[in-house]
Protein backbone atom coordinates (compact mmCIF):
# COMPACT_ATOMS: atom_id res chain seq x y z
CA MET A 1 0.00 0.17 0.10
CA ALA A 2 1.34 3.34 -0.98
CA SER A 3 2.21 5.70 1.47
CA VAL A 4 0.05 9.17 2.61
CA VAL A 5 3.39 11.07 2.16
CA GLY A 6 4.03 9.70 -1.51
CA LEU A 7 0.26 10.16 -2.74
CA LEU A 8 0.39 13.59 -1.61
CA GLU A 9 3.76 14.15 -3.57
CA GLU A 10 2.11 12.59 -6.65
CA ARG A 11 -0.50 15.18 -6.67
CA GLU A 12 1.97 17.93 -5.55
CA LEU A 13 4.14 17.41 -8.64
CA ALA A 14 1.07 16.70 -11.09
CA ALA A 15 -0.18 20.36 -9.77
CA ARG A 16 2.84 22.12 -10.32
CA GLU A 17 3.42 20.37 -14.22
CA ARG A 18 -0.01 21.97 -14.51
CA VAL A 19 1.15 25.27 -13.40
CA GLU A 20 4.35 25.54 -15.52
CA GLU A 21 2.01 24.52 -18.98
CA LEU A 22 -0.19 27.24 -17.75
CA ARG A 23 2.29 29.74 -17.10
CA GLU A 24 3.82 28.76 -20.59
CA VAL A 25 0.69 29.59 -22.33
CA ALA A 26 -0.02 33.04 -20.54
CA ASP A 27 3.48 34.04 -21.62
CA ARG A 28 2.64 33.03 -25.09
CA VAL A 29 -0.58 35.16 -25.12
CA LEU A 30 0.93 37.84 -23.67
CA ALA A 31 3.61 37.85 -25.94
CA GLU A 32 0.77 37.50 -29.22
CA LEU A 33 -0.98 40.61 -27.30
CA ALA A 34 1.90 42.40 -27.53
CA GLU A 35 2.46 41.91 -31.21
CA ALA A 36 -0.97 42.59 -31.67
CA GLU A 37 -1.44 45.71 -29.47
CA THR A 38 1.63 46.86 -31.99
CA ALA A 39 0.04 46.10 -35.03
CA TRP A 40 -3.30 48.30 -34.13
CA HIS A 41 -1.05 50.98 -33.09
CA GLU A 42 0.80 51.17 -36.21
CA TRP A 43 -2.72 50.75 -37.99
CA LEU A 44 -4.35 53.65 -35.82
CA ILE A 45 -1.42 55.55 -36.99
CA ALA A 46 -1.47 54.93 -40.64
CA ARG A 47 -5.38 55.79 -40.44
CA GLN A 48 -4.60 59.07 -38.84
CA ARG A 49 -2.00 60.00 -41.49
CA VAL A 50 -4.18 59.24 -44.24
CA GLY A 51 -6.95 61.29 -42.75
CA GLU A 52 -4.46 64.21 -42.51
CA VAL A 53 -3.23 63.94 -45.76
CA LEU A 54 -6.93 63.72 -47.11
CA SER A 55 -7.86 66.77 -45.33
CA GLY A 56 -4.98 68.82 -46.16
CA PRO A 57 -4.18 70.88 -49.33
CA ARG A 58 -2.74 68.49 -52.32
CA PRO A 59 0.47 69.07 -54.32
CA GLY A 60 -0.25 71.07 -57.33
CA GLN A 61 -3.19 72.94 -55.95
CA ALA A 62 -2.79 76.74 -54.86
CA GLY A 63 0.13 77.66 -57.06
CA GLU A 64 2.16 74.82 -56.43
CA ALA A 65 3.59 72.76 -59.78
CA GLY A 66 3.40 68.93 -59.20
CA PRO A 67 5.62 66.77 -60.75
CA GLY A 68 5.01 66.65 -64.87
CA ALA A 69 2.91 69.92 -64.27
CA GLY A 70 2.77 71.55 -68.24
CA GLU A 71 3.43 68.27 -69.97
CA SER A 72 1.29 66.63 -72.22
CA SER A 73 0.99 62.95 -73.25
CA GLY A 74 1.66 64.00 -76.97
CA SER A 75 -1.90 63.11 -78.27
CA GLU A 76 -3.75 65.79 -76.15
CA PRO A 77 -3.53 69.23 -75.81
CA ALA A 78 -2.73 70.42 -72.35
CA THR A 79 -5.07 72.23 -70.08
CA ASN A 80 -4.61 74.38 -67.52
CA ALA A 81 -7.47 73.06 -65.57
CA PRO A 82 -6.65 72.81 -61.69
CA ALA A 83 -6.94 69.09 -60.41
CA GLU A 84 -9.48 68.18 -58.77
CA VAL A 85 -10.15 66.00 -55.61
CA PRO A 86 -11.23 62.86 -56.60
CA LEU A 87 -14.14 61.12 -54.76
CA PRO A 88 -13.88 57.79 -52.99
CA ARG A 89 -14.53 54.67 -55.21
CA ALA A 90 -17.97 52.93 -54.01
CA ALA A 91 -16.43 50.52 -51.28
CA ARG A 92 -16.43 46.77 -51.35
CA SER A 93 -17.84 44.47 -48.82
CA GLY A 94 -15.83 44.26 -45.66
CA SER A 95 -13.94 47.16 -46.26
CA ILE A 96 -13.38 49.90 -43.25
CA VAL A 97 -15.88 52.34 -42.56
CA PRO A 98 -14.30 55.97 -43.34
CA VAL A 99 -14.73 59.01 -41.19
CA TRP A 100 -17.50 61.16 -42.53
CA ARG A 101 -16.54 64.19 -44.49
CA PRO A 102 -19.02 66.55 -46.64
CA ALA A 103 -17.20 64.79 -49.89
CA LEU A 104 -18.42 61.17 -49.18
CA SER A 105 -21.69 59.75 -49.97
CA MET A 106 -23.11 56.31 -48.78
CA ASP A 107 -21.69 55.02 -51.82
CA ALA A 108 -18.10 55.05 -49.97
CA LEU A 109 -19.74 52.47 -47.47
CA ALA A 110 -20.07 48.88 -47.66
CA PRO A 111 -23.29 47.75 -48.79
CA HIS A 112 -24.27 46.33 -45.25
CA TYR A 113 -23.71 49.57 -44.00
CA GLN A 114 -25.43 51.21 -46.37
CA ARG A 115 -28.36 49.44 -46.06
CA ILE A 116 -28.17 50.20 -42.36
CA LEU A 117 -27.91 53.93 -42.83
CA ALA A 118 -30.71 53.68 -45.50
CA THR A 119 -33.02 52.02 -42.83
CA LEU A 120 -32.21 55.04 -40.36
CA THR A 121 -33.28 57.64 -43.06
CA GLU A 122 -36.21 55.75 -43.92
CA GLN A 123 -37.60 55.32 -40.53
CA ALA A 124 -36.67 58.88 -39.31
CA SER A 125 -38.68 60.03 -42.58
CA GLY A 126 -41.49 57.98 -41.45
CA GLY A 127 -41.50 59.75 -37.40
CA LYS A 128 -38.70 57.55 -35.85
CA PRO A 129 -35.54 59.35 -35.80
CA VAL A 130 -34.12 57.22 -32.87
CA MET A 131 -33.50 53.32 -32.99
CA SER A 132 -32.28 50.58 -31.17
CA CYS A 133 -30.61 47.55 -32.62
CA GLN A 134 -33.22 45.63 -32.09
CA GLU A 135 -35.48 47.57 -34.26
CA ILE A 136 -32.72 48.35 -36.65
CA THR A 137 -32.25 44.48 -36.99
CA ALA A 138 -36.08 44.03 -37.27
CA VAL A 139 -36.09 46.29 -40.25
CA LEU A 140 -33.53 44.51 -41.96
CA GLY A 141 -35.36 41.40 -42.36
CA LEU A 142 -32.80 39.61 -40.04
CA GLU A 143 -33.90 37.43 -37.60
CA PRO A 144 -33.91 38.95 -34.13
CA VAL A 145 -31.17 36.54 -32.45
CA PRO A 146 -28.29 37.76 -30.46
CA ALA A 147 -25.81 37.40 -33.29
CA SER A 148 -27.85 39.15 -35.54
CA VAL A 149 -28.59 42.29 -33.05
CA GLU A 150 -24.82 42.10 -31.95
CA GLY A 151 -23.68 42.48 -35.51
CA VAL A 152 -25.94 45.48 -36.26
CA ARG A 153 -24.85 46.83 -32.67
CA SER A 154 -20.72 46.81 -33.41
CA LYS A 155 -21.64 48.19 -37.08
CA MET A 156 -23.86 51.05 -35.33
CA LYS A 157 -21.27 51.75 -32.71
CA ARG A 158 -18.30 51.89 -35.85
CA LEU A 159 -20.80 54.22 -37.76
CA ALA A 160 -21.05 56.29 -34.59
CA ASP A 161 -17.56 56.47 -33.81
CA ARG A 162 -16.95 57.87 -37.60
CA GLY A 163 -19.14 60.39 -37.97
CA TRP A 164 -22.47 58.75 -40.02
CA ALA A 165 -24.53 58.14 -37.35
CA ASP A 166 -25.29 59.24 -33.36
CA GLU A 167 -26.01 57.32 -30.34
CA PRO A 168 -28.16 59.85 -28.46
CA THR A 169 -28.70 57.66 -25.49
CA PRO A 170 -26.73 54.22 -25.06
CA GLY A 171 -27.97 51.51 -27.24
CA ARG A 172 -30.05 53.83 -29.06
CA PHE A 173 -28.74 55.05 -32.98
CA THR A 174 -29.86 57.98 -35.22
CA LEU A 175 -28.26 59.34 -38.52
CA ALA A 176 -25.87 62.22 -38.04
CA ALA A 177 -26.60 65.49 -38.81
CA GLY A 178 -23.82 65.82 -41.23
CA PRO A 179 -25.00 62.25 -43.33
CA ALA A 180 -28.60 63.31 -43.01
CA GLY A 181 -27.87 67.22 -44.63
CA GLY A 182 -27.57 65.78 -47.92
CA SER A 183 -24.19 64.14 -48.65
């Protein structure tokens, strides 16, 4: 028959091995978390830089001569028309929600975001300017299960963070003044 002390030592050894395994897992997860946070911060900085570039003056405007100014391709006559800021192309499905600005229309958003904003616009014109995520989910014709409601909630939060929608009270959303103003 095994001794009590021997049984306790076996269990202590098993517990210590489990602790070591969990420490290794925790160290690996913390390292991955640090890498993910670094990547996230880099993307945040990149988005901020792009926003600065898009909102600032473009080279070739206000009297600056950009590269190739005055040159022509040979078959077309050179014109002195000022360069226009191109409007963003329509977004692809799964694309990032841009920060709203007057030059943007809903076409800059992915189709599912366009449907949500169209729903808010229709409901606002029908006398219901503020809606919950459950109501938006129902109007969109989605099944009112938690996964669908949470999907709509995350999209609404993203739209509100980027200036396309407002959240006057927690969990209730309305179309922002800018996009509703006619862009």
